[in-house]
Amino acid sequence: MTDRRLPDYLLERLALGELPEEEARAAQEQLAREPDGAQRLSDLRASNADLLARHPPQAVVREIERRQRALIVQLPRRRGAWLAASAGVFAAVVLAVVLRQPEQTRIKGDATLLVYRSRGAEVEQLQNGAIARAGDTVQLAYVRARQVYGAIISVDGAGTVTLHLPEHDGEAARLVRDARTELPHAYELDAAPGFERFFLVTSDSPFRASIALEAARKLAARGNAARTEPLALPKGFEQSSFVLVKASP
């Protein structure tokens, strides 16, 4: 009898929000036909969240570099080059397996979210999955290629949904094309645990920001799923997202 279970590699990509919209829908439908499909997906997401909480990316990178330096110093010189290469391979494998971070989630979208952190006079562009802390000041920006109208919202680990663009609920903003455009105001992260995830929702046609807000509230109500799953938007909308991982105080 042919195995109809969703392959593990597709299950993992679905959990990370890496599948395109149509493939994600097909994977969800296949899981729905499995007796334990929903549980498989739930268990994997819980495992991913636990793994990331126990192995913060920056801490693991530091530990790998420390061990690499220690091993090179302790072993004879003639083995140093080989060991350095081996340690580098080991580091790459650990980072790929333990700390696998999805690229910025795009679902049929051509607009990009950018996130910067300011500390005094220093401004740092953050990568998707970067570590952040309560009190960090972040500046949001976007680059639009094609679609004309957009809204930016965020969901945090406490389930709070915030509208960033436009600044008040109403018509979605008309986006500036082919240029990096910063939002008018920076944003200070609060003490909500786990994560802060920003969504850029776009459309070729004018729309109410409440459409994106309602989708975000429904996703936020699903708890940790808001960290990886896309917004459920009507046809004609596109989205991209950016996740900050909240470090413990």
C-alpha atoms as a PDB file:
ATOM      1  CA  MET A   1       0.000   0.000   0.000  1.00  0.00           C
ATOM      2  CA  THR A   2       1.397   3.439  -0.908  1.00  0.00           C
ATOM      3  CA  ASP A   3       2.406   5.641   2.016  1.00  0.00           C
ATOM      4  CA  ARG A   4       0.168   8.708   1.876  1.00  0.00           C
ATOM      5  CA  ARG A   5       1.778  10.516   4.794  1.00  0.00           C
ATOM      6  CA  LEU A   6       3.197  13.967   4.167  1.00  0.00           C
ATOM      7  CA  PRO A   7       7.000  13.615   3.894  1.00  0.00           C
ATOM      8  CA  ASP A   8       8.928  14.930   6.881  1.00  0.00           C
ATOM      9  CA  TYR A   9      10.843  17.518   4.835  1.00  0.00           C
ATOM     10  CA  LEU A  10       7.565  19.044   3.611  1.00  0.00           C
ATOM     11  CA  LEU A  11       6.160  18.931   7.139  1.00  0.00           C
ATOM     12  CA  GLU A  12       9.180  20.872   8.403  1.00  0.00           C
ATOM     13  CA  ARG A  13       8.918  23.503   5.656  1.00  0.00           C
ATOM     14  CA  LEU A  14       5.205  23.869   6.417  1.00  0.00           C
ATOM     15  CA  ALA A  15       5.948  24.345  10.123  1.00  0.00           C
ATOM     16  CA  LEU A  16       8.515  27.033   9.307  1.00  0.00           C
ATOM     17  CA  GLY A  17       6.168  28.837   6.909  1.00  0.00           C
ATOM     18  CA  GLU A  18       8.510  28.232   3.971  1.00  0.00           C
ATOM     19  CA  LEU A  19       6.044  26.675   1.526  1.00  0.00           C
ATOM     20  CA  PRO A  20       4.389  28.801  -1.185  1.00  0.00           C
ATOM     21  CA  GLU A  21       0.670  29.347  -0.673  1.00  0.00           C
ATOM     22  CA  GLU A  22      -0.584  26.585  -3.016  1.00  0.00           C
ATOM     23  CA  GLU A  23       1.942  24.021  -1.741  1.00  0.00           C
ATOM     24  CA  ALA A  24       1.103  24.916   1.858  1.00  0.00           C
ATOM     25  CA  ARG A  25      -2.598  24.434   1.160  1.00  0.00           C
ATOM     26  CA  ALA A  26      -1.957  21.032  -0.469  1.00  0.00           C
ATOM     27  CA  ALA A  27       0.218  19.973   2.477  1.00  0.00           C
ATOM     28  CA  GLN A  28      -2.468  21.029   4.949  1.00  0.00           C
ATOM     29  CA  GLU A  29      -5.063  19.041   3.002  1.00  0.00           C
ATOM     30  CA  GLN A  30      -2.845  15.951   3.013  1.00  0.00           C
ATOM     31  CA  LEU A  31      -2.279  16.289   6.754  1.00  0.00           C
ATOM     32  CA  ALA A  32      -6.030  16.564   7.272  1.00  0.00           C
ATOM     33  CA  ARG A  33      -6.403  13.132   5.672  1.00  0.00           C
ATOM     34  CA  GLU A  34      -3.898  11.584   8.075  1.00  0.00           C
ATOM     35  CA  PRO A  35      -5.252  10.258  11.397  1.00  0.00           C
ATOM     36  CA  ASP A  36      -2.445  12.023  13.295  1.00  0.00           C
ATOM     37  CA  GLY A  37      -1.652  14.762  10.774  1.00  0.00           C
ATOM     38  CA  ALA A  38      -2.653  17.734  12.902  1.00  0.00           C
ATOM     39  CA  GLN A  39      -0.755  16.299  15.862  1.00  0.00           C
ATOM     40  CA  ARG A  40       2.403  15.781  13.754  1.00  0.00           C
ATOM     41  CA  LEU A  41       2.390  19.433  12.758  1.00  0.00           C
ATOM     42  CA  SER A  42       1.619  20.625  16.284  1.00  0.00           C
ATOM     43  CA  ASP A  43       4.371  18.486  17.792  1.00  0.00           C
ATOM     44  CA  LEU A  44       6.939  19.723  15.269  1.00  0.00           C
ATOM     45  CA  ARG A  45       6.100  23.381  15.900  1.00  0.00           C
ATOM     46  CA  ALA A  46       6.309  22.845  19.646  1.00  0.00           C
ATOM     47  CA  SER A  47       9.643  21.074  19.228  1.00  0.00           C
ATOM     48  CA  ASN A  48      11.024  23.876  17.041  1.00  0.00           C
ATOM     49  CA  ALA A  49       9.965  26.514  19.568  1.00  0.00           C
ATOM     50  CA  ASP A  50      11.483  24.564  22.456  1.00  0.00           C
ATOM     51  CA  LEU A  51      14.735  23.986  20.562  1.00  0.00           C
ATOM     52  CA  LEU A  52      15.128  27.656  19.720  1.00  0.00           C
ATOM     53  CA  ALA A  53      14.345  28.650  23.315  1.00  0.00           C
ATOM     54  CA  ARG A  54      16.985  26.237  24.660  1.00  0.00           C
ATOM     55  CA  HIS A  55      19.595  27.137  22.032  1.00  0.00           C
ATOM     56  CA  PRO A  56      19.505  30.888  21.291  1.00  0.00           C
ATOM     57  CA  PRO A  57      21.354  31.468  17.993  1.00  0.00           C
ATOM     58  CA  GLN A  58      23.925  33.906  19.338  1.00  0.00           C
ATOM     59  CA  ALA A  59      24.807  31.683  22.299  1.00  0.00           C
ATOM     60  CA  VAL A  60      25.330  28.628  20.085  1.00  0.00           C
ATOM     61  CA  VAL A  61      27.525  30.556  17.651  1.00  0.00           C
ATOM     62  CA  ARG A  62      29.695  31.789  20.520  1.00  0.00           C
ATOM     63  CA  GLU A  63      30.035  28.278  21.958  1.00  0.00           C
ATOM     64  CA  ILE A  64      30.982  26.788  18.578  1.00  0.00           C
ATOM     65  CA  GLU A  65      33.636  29.463  18.061  1.00  0.00           C
ATOM     66  CA  ARG A  66      34.999  28.911  21.594  1.00  0.00           C
ATOM     67  CA  ARG A  67      35.307  25.147  21.088  1.00  0.00           C
ATOM     68  CA  GLN A  68      36.891  25.624  17.685  1.00  0.00           C
ATOM     69  CA  ARG A  69      39.584  27.923  19.144  1.00  0.00           C
ATOM     70  CA  ALA A  70      40.209  25.579  22.074  1.00  0.00           C
ATOM     71  CA  LEU A  71      40.618  22.495  19.873  1.00  0.00           C
ATOM     72  CA  ILE A  72      43.007  24.237  17.477  1.00  0.00           C
ATOM     73  CA  VAL A  73      45.197  25.414  20.368  1.00  0.00           C
ATOM     74  CA  GLN A  74      45.306  22.025  22.095  1.00  0.00           C
ATOM     75  CA  LEU A  75      46.162  19.775  19.143  1.00  0.00           C
ATOM     76  CA  PRO A  76      49.556  19.529  17.380  1.00  0.00           C
ATOM     77  CA  ARG A  77      50.279  22.173  14.750  1.00  0.00           C
ATOM     78  CA  ARG A  78      50.325  19.689  11.857  1.00  0.00           C
ATOM     79  CA  ARG A  79      46.701  18.833  12.557  1.00  0.00           C
ATOM     80  CA  GLY A  80      45.581  22.423  13.014  1.00  0.00           C
ATOM     81  CA  ALA A  81      44.524  23.096   9.426  1.00  0.00           C
ATOM     82  CA  TRP A  82      42.518  19.888   9.198  1.00  0.00           C
ATOM     83  CA  LEU A  83      40.839  20.547  12.513  1.00  0.00           C
ATOM     84  CA  ALA A  84      40.000  24.116  11.628  1.00  0.00           C
ATOM     85  CA  ALA A  85      38.251  22.886   8.489  1.00  0.00           C
ATOM     86  CA  SER A  86      36.466  20.137  10.442  1.00  0.00           C
ATOM     87  CA  ALA A  87      35.351  22.549  13.120  1.00  0.00           C
ATOM     88  CA  GLY A  88      34.038  24.905  10.447  1.00  0.00           C
ATOM     89  CA  VAL A  89      32.045  22.098   8.866  1.00  0.00           C
ATOM     90  CA  PHE A  90      30.756  21.088  12.291  1.00  0.00           C
ATOM     91  CA  ALA A  91      29.684  24.658  12.994  1.00  0.00           C
ATOM     92  CA  ALA A  92      27.860  24.878   9.677  1.00  0.00           C
ATOM     93  CA  VAL A  93      26.043  21.600  10.319  1.00  0.00           C
ATOM     94  CA  VAL A  94      25.023  22.621  13.835  1.00  0.00           C
ATOM     95  CA  LEU A  95      23.789  25.985  12.672  1.00  0.00           C
ATOM     96  CA  ALA A  96      21.839  24.475   9.776  1.00  0.00           C
ATOM     97  CA  VAL A  97      20.201  21.760  11.861  1.00  0.00           C
ATOM     98  CA  VAL A  98      19.762  23.291  15.315  1.00  0.00           C
ATOM     99  CA  LEU A  99      19.274  26.931  14.434  1.00  0.00           C
ATOM    100  CA  ARG A 100      17.595  26.694  11.088  1.00  0.00           C
ATOM    101  CA  GLN A 101      16.035  30.068  10.499  1.00  0.00           C
ATOM    102  CA  PRO A 102      13.626  30.566   7.612  1.00  0.00           C
ATOM    103  CA  GLU A 103      14.239  33.409   5.240  1.00  0.00           C
ATOM    104  CA  GLN A 104      11.790  36.238   5.465  1.00  0.00           C
ATOM    105  CA  THR A 105       8.432  34.606   4.799  1.00  0.00           C
ATOM    106  CA  ARG A 106       7.020  35.643   1.437  1.00  0.00           C
ATOM    107  CA  ILE A 107       3.788  34.278   0.065  1.00  0.00           C
ATOM    108  CA  LYS A 108       3.429  35.458  -3.523  1.00  0.00           C
ATOM    109  CA  GLY A 109       4.802  38.786  -2.321  1.00  0.00           C
ATOM    110  CA  ASP A 110       7.322  41.154  -3.866  1.00  0.00           C
ATOM    111  CA  ALA A 111       7.435  43.745  -1.073  1.00  0.00           C
ATOM    112  CA  THR A 112      10.082  43.466   1.633  1.00  0.00           C
ATOM    113  CA  LEU A 113      10.069  44.388   5.315  1.00  0.00           C
ATOM    114  CA  LEU A 114      13.225  45.860   6.828  1.00  0.00           C
ATOM    115  CA  VAL A 115      13.874  46.148  10.568  1.00  0.00           C
ATOM    116  CA  TYR A 116      16.564  48.285  12.212  1.00  0.00           C
ATOM    117  CA  ARG A 117      17.567  48.575  15.864  1.00  0.00           C
ATOM    118  CA  SER A 118      18.908  51.826  17.269  1.00  0.00           C
ATOM    119  CA  ARG A 119      21.175  52.021  20.301  1.00  0.00           C
ATOM    120  CA  GLY A 120      22.166  55.601  20.887  1.00  0.00           C
ATOM    121  CA  ALA A 121      23.858  56.835  17.740  1.00  0.00           C
ATOM    122  CA  GLU A 122      24.310  53.313  16.352  1.00  0.00           C
ATOM    123  CA  VAL A 123      21.783  51.816  13.942  1.00  0.00           C
ATOM    124  CA  GLU A 124      21.898  48.105  13.091  1.00  0.00           C
ATOM    125  CA  GLN A 125      19.927  46.352  10.368  1.00  0.00           C
ATOM    126  CA  LEU A 126      18.544  43.127  11.814  1.00  0.00           C
ATOM    127  CA  GLN A 127      18.212  39.780  10.100  1.00  0.00           C
ATOM    128  CA  ASN A 128      15.067  37.677  10.241  1.00  0.00           C
ATOM    129  CA  GLY A 129      15.210  35.632  13.448  1.00  0.00           C
ATOM    130  CA  ALA A 130      17.487  38.094  15.270  1.00  0.00           C
ATOM    131  CA  ILE A 131      17.539  38.210  19.062  1.00  0.00           C
ATOM    132  CA  ALA A 132      15.796  41.225  20.616  1.00  0.00           C
ATOM    133  CA  ARG A 133      14.957  42.355  24.134  1.00  0.00           C
ATOM    134  CA  ALA A 134      12.272  44.357  25.866  1.00  0.00           C
ATOM    135  CA  GLY A 135      13.136  48.035  25.589  1.00  0.00           C
ATOM    136  CA  ASP A 136      14.885  47.716  22.211  1.00  0.00           C
ATOM    137  CA  THR A 137      13.920  50.497  19.826  1.00  0.00           C
ATOM    138  CA  VAL A 138      13.245  49.239  16.316  1.00  0.00           C
ATOM    139  CA  GLN A 139      12.581  51.176  13.137  1.00  0.00           C
ATOM    140  CA  LEU A 140      10.433  49.540  10.456  1.00  0.00           C
ATOM    141  CA  ALA A 141      10.844  50.183   6.748  1.00  0.00           C
ATOM    142  CA  TYR A 142       9.689  48.609   3.506  1.00  0.00           C
ATOM    143  CA  VAL A 143      10.730  48.315  -0.120  1.00  0.00           C
ATOM    144  CA  ARG A 144       7.873  47.987  -2.584  1.00  0.00           C
ATOM    145  CA  ALA A 145       8.357  46.702  -6.102  1.00  0.00           C
ATOM    146  CA  ARG A 146       4.884  46.291  -7.548  1.00  0.00           C
ATOM    147  CA  GLN A 147       1.779  46.288  -5.374  1.00  0.00           C
ATOM    148  CA  VAL A 148       0.409  49.709  -4.538  1.00  0.00           C
ATOM    149  CA  TYR A 149      -1.356  49.558  -1.163  1.00  0.00           C
ATOM    150  CA  GLY A 150      -0.133  48.126   2.111  1.00  0.00           C
ATOM    151  CA  ALA A 151      -0.489  47.754   5.863  1.00  0.00           C
ATOM    152  CA  ILE A 152       2.088  46.756   8.468  1.00  0.00           C
ATOM    153  CA  ILE A 153       1.024  45.019  11.660  1.00  0.00           C
ATOM    154  CA  SER A 154       2.730  43.053  14.401  1.00  0.00           C
ATOM    155  CA  VAL A 155       1.826  40.128  16.633  1.00  0.00           C
ATOM    156  CA  ASP A 156       3.755  39.331  19.813  1.00  0.00           C
ATOM    157  CA  GLY A 157       4.077  36.319  22.087  1.00  0.00           C
ATOM    158  CA  ALA A 158       1.354  37.636  24.387  1.00  0.00           C
ATOM    159  CA  GLY A 159      -1.117  37.734  21.499  1.00  0.00           C
ATOM    160  CA  THR A 160      -1.138  41.541  21.185  1.00  0.00           C
ATOM    161  CA  VAL A 161      -1.769  42.899  17.681  1.00  0.00           C
ATOM    162  CA  THR A 162      -0.473  46.371  16.761  1.00  0.00           C
ATOM    163  CA  LEU A 163      -1.082  48.443  13.634  1.00  0.00           C
ATOM    164  CA  HIS A 164       2.018  50.320  12.441  1.00  0.00           C
ATOM    165  CA  LEU A 165       1.017  51.436   8.933  1.00  0.00           C
ATOM    166  CA  PRO A 166      -1.274  53.255   8.553  1.00  0.00           C
ATOM    167  CA  GLU A 167      -1.012  54.730  12.051  1.00  0.00           C
ATOM    168  CA  HIS A 168      -4.766  54.496  12.575  1.00  0.00           C
ATOM    169  CA  ASP A 169      -7.302  51.971  11.359  1.00  0.00           C
ATOM    170  CA  GLY A 170      -8.739  53.049   8.047  1.00  0.00           C
ATOM    171  CA  GLU A 171      -7.605  52.838   4.447  1.00  0.00           C
ATOM    172  CA  ALA A 172      -4.328  51.019   3.783  1.00  0.00           C
ATOM    173  CA  ALA A 173      -1.351  53.245   2.985  1.00  0.00           C
ATOM    174  CA  ARG A 174      -0.310  54.000  -0.576  1.00  0.00           C
ATOM    175  CA  LEU A 175       3.231  52.602  -0.772  1.00  0.00           C
ATOM    176  CA  VAL A 176       6.240  54.405  -2.206  1.00  0.00           C
ATOM    177  CA  ARG A 177       7.750  52.429  -5.089  1.00  0.00           C
ATOM    178  CA  ASP A 178      11.374  51.344  -5.603  1.00  0.00           C
ATOM    179  CA  ALA A 179      12.763  53.073  -2.531  1.00  0.00           C
ATOM    180  CA  ARG A 180      13.466  52.157   1.083  1.00  0.00           C
ATOM    181  CA  THR A 181      10.742  53.923   3.019  1.00  0.00           C
ATOM    182  CA  GLU A 182      10.857  54.237   6.798  1.00  0.00           C
ATOM    183  CA  LEU A 183       7.726  54.449   8.896  1.00  0.00           C
ATOM    184  CA  PRO A 184       7.201  57.840  10.589  1.00  0.00           C
ATOM    185  CA  HIS A 185       7.834  56.538  14.112  1.00  0.00           C
ATOM    186  CA  ALA A 186      10.123  53.968  15.740  1.00  0.00           C
ATOM    187  CA  TYR A 187       8.705  51.212  17.938  1.00  0.00           C
ATOM    188  CA  GLU A 188       9.830  50.116  21.415  1.00  0.00           C
ATOM    189  CA  LEU A 189       9.531  46.419  22.174  1.00  0.00           C
ATOM    190  CA  ASP A 190       7.642  45.574  25.345  1.00  0.00           C
ATOM    191  CA  ALA A 191       8.113  42.635  27.698  1.00  0.00           C
ATOM    192  CA  ALA A 192       5.849  40.215  25.801  1.00  0.00           C
ATOM    193  CA  PRO A 193       7.643  36.841  25.758  1.00  0.00           C
ATOM    194  CA  GLY A 194       8.778  34.634  22.919  1.00  0.00           C
ATOM    195  CA  PHE A 195       8.690  36.710  19.755  1.00  0.00           C
ATOM    196  CA  GLU A 196       7.580  39.814  17.902  1.00  0.00           C
ATOM    197  CA  ARG A 197       6.484  39.201  14.308  1.00  0.00           C
ATOM    198  CA  PHE A 198       5.841  41.942  11.766  1.00  0.00           C
ATOM    199  CA  PHE A 199       3.660  41.473   8.671  1.00  0.00           C
ATOM    200  CA  LEU A 200       3.553  43.574   5.515  1.00  0.00           C
ATOM    201  CA  VAL A 201       0.226  42.996   3.734  1.00  0.00           C
ATOM    202  CA  THR A 202      -0.126  44.384   0.209  1.00  0.00           C
ATOM    203  CA  SER A 203      -2.651  44.563  -2.606  1.00  0.00           C
ATOM    204  CA  ASP A 204      -3.034  46.129  -6.038  1.00  0.00           C
ATOM    205  CA  SER A 205      -6.381  47.565  -4.941  1.00  0.00           C
ATOM    206  CA  PRO A 206      -7.267  49.873  -2.024  1.00  0.00           C
ATOM    207  CA  PHE A 207      -8.338  48.008   1.112  1.00  0.00           C
ATOM    208  CA  ARG A 208      -9.179  48.624   4.737  1.00  0.00           C
ATOM    209  CA  ALA A 209      -6.395  47.999   7.235  1.00  0.00           C
ATOM    210  CA  SER A 210      -8.972  46.161   9.338  1.00  0.00           C
ATOM    211  CA  ILE A 211      -8.718  43.215   6.915  1.00  0.00           C
ATOM    212  CA  ALA A 212      -5.089  42.682   7.893  1.00  0.00           C
ATOM    213  CA  LEU A 213      -5.834  43.394  11.569  1.00  0.00           C
ATOM    214  CA  GLU A 214      -8.604  40.813  11.714  1.00  0.00           C
ATOM    215  CA  ALA A 215      -6.399  38.178  10.078  1.00  0.00           C
ATOM    216  CA  ALA A 216      -3.639  38.972  12.588  1.00  0.00           C
ATOM    217  CA  ARG A 217      -6.023  38.694  15.553  1.00  0.00           C
ATOM    218  CA  LYS A 218      -7.207  35.288  14.388  1.00  0.00           C
ATOM    219  CA  LEU A 219      -3.617  34.109  14.032  1.00  0.00           C
ATOM    220  CA  ALA A 220      -2.641  35.602  17.418  1.00  0.00           C
ATOM    221  CA  ALA A 221      -5.470  33.611  19.047  1.00  0.00           C
ATOM    222  CA  ARG A 222      -3.671  30.434  17.969  1.00  0.00           C
ATOM    223  CA  GLY A 223      -0.749  31.096  20.298  1.00  0.00           C
ATOM    224  CA  ASN A 224       2.687  29.958  19.161  1.00  0.00           C
ATOM    225  CA  ALA A 225       1.388  29.318  15.625  1.00  0.00           C
ATOM    226  CA  ALA A 226       1.609  33.083  15.141  1.00  0.00           C
ATOM    227  CA  ARG A 227       5.376  32.707  15.158  1.00  0.00           C
ATOM    228  CA  THR A 228       5.530  30.719  11.914  1.00  0.00           C
ATOM    229  CA  GLU A 229       2.180  30.519  10.115  1.00  0.00           C
ATOM    230  CA  PRO A 230       1.018  32.994   7.458  1.00  0.00           C
ATOM    231  CA  LEU A 231      -2.010  35.235   7.763  1.00  0.00           C
ATOM    232  CA  ALA A 232      -5.214  33.866   6.260  1.00  0.00           C
ATOM    233  CA  LEU A 233      -5.996  36.646   3.792  1.00  0.00           C
ATOM    234  CA  PRO A 234      -8.581  36.938   1.016  1.00  0.00           C
ATOM    235  CA  LYS A 235      -7.598  36.319  -2.586  1.00  0.00           C
ATOM    236  CA  GLY A 236      -5.641  39.145  -4.154  1.00  0.00           C
ATOM    237  CA  PHE A 237      -3.498  39.916  -1.106  1.00  0.00           C
ATOM    238  CA  GLU A 238       0.203  39.253  -0.656  1.00  0.00           C
ATOM    239  CA  GLN A 239       2.273  39.215   2.508  1.00  0.00           C
ATOM    240  CA  SER A 240       5.780  39.040   3.900  1.00  0.00           C
ATOM    241  CA  SER A 241       6.840  38.728   7.526  1.00  0.00           C
ATOM    242  CA  PHE A 242       9.824  39.296   9.807  1.00  0.00           C
ATOM    243  CA  VAL A 243      10.368  37.623  13.195  1.00  0.00           C
ATOM    244  CA  LEU A 244      12.354  38.860  16.180  1.00  0.00           C
ATOM    245  CA  VAL A 245      13.083  36.269  18.868  1.00  0.00           C
ATOM    246  CA  LYS A 246      12.615  37.767  22.353  1.00  0.00           C
ATOM    247  CA  ALA A 247      15.411  36.947  24.784  1.00  0.00           C
ATOM    248  CA  SER A 248      14.566  36.255  28.420  1.00  0.00           C
ATOM    249  CA  PRO A 249      15.137  39.230  30.775  1.00  0.00           C
END
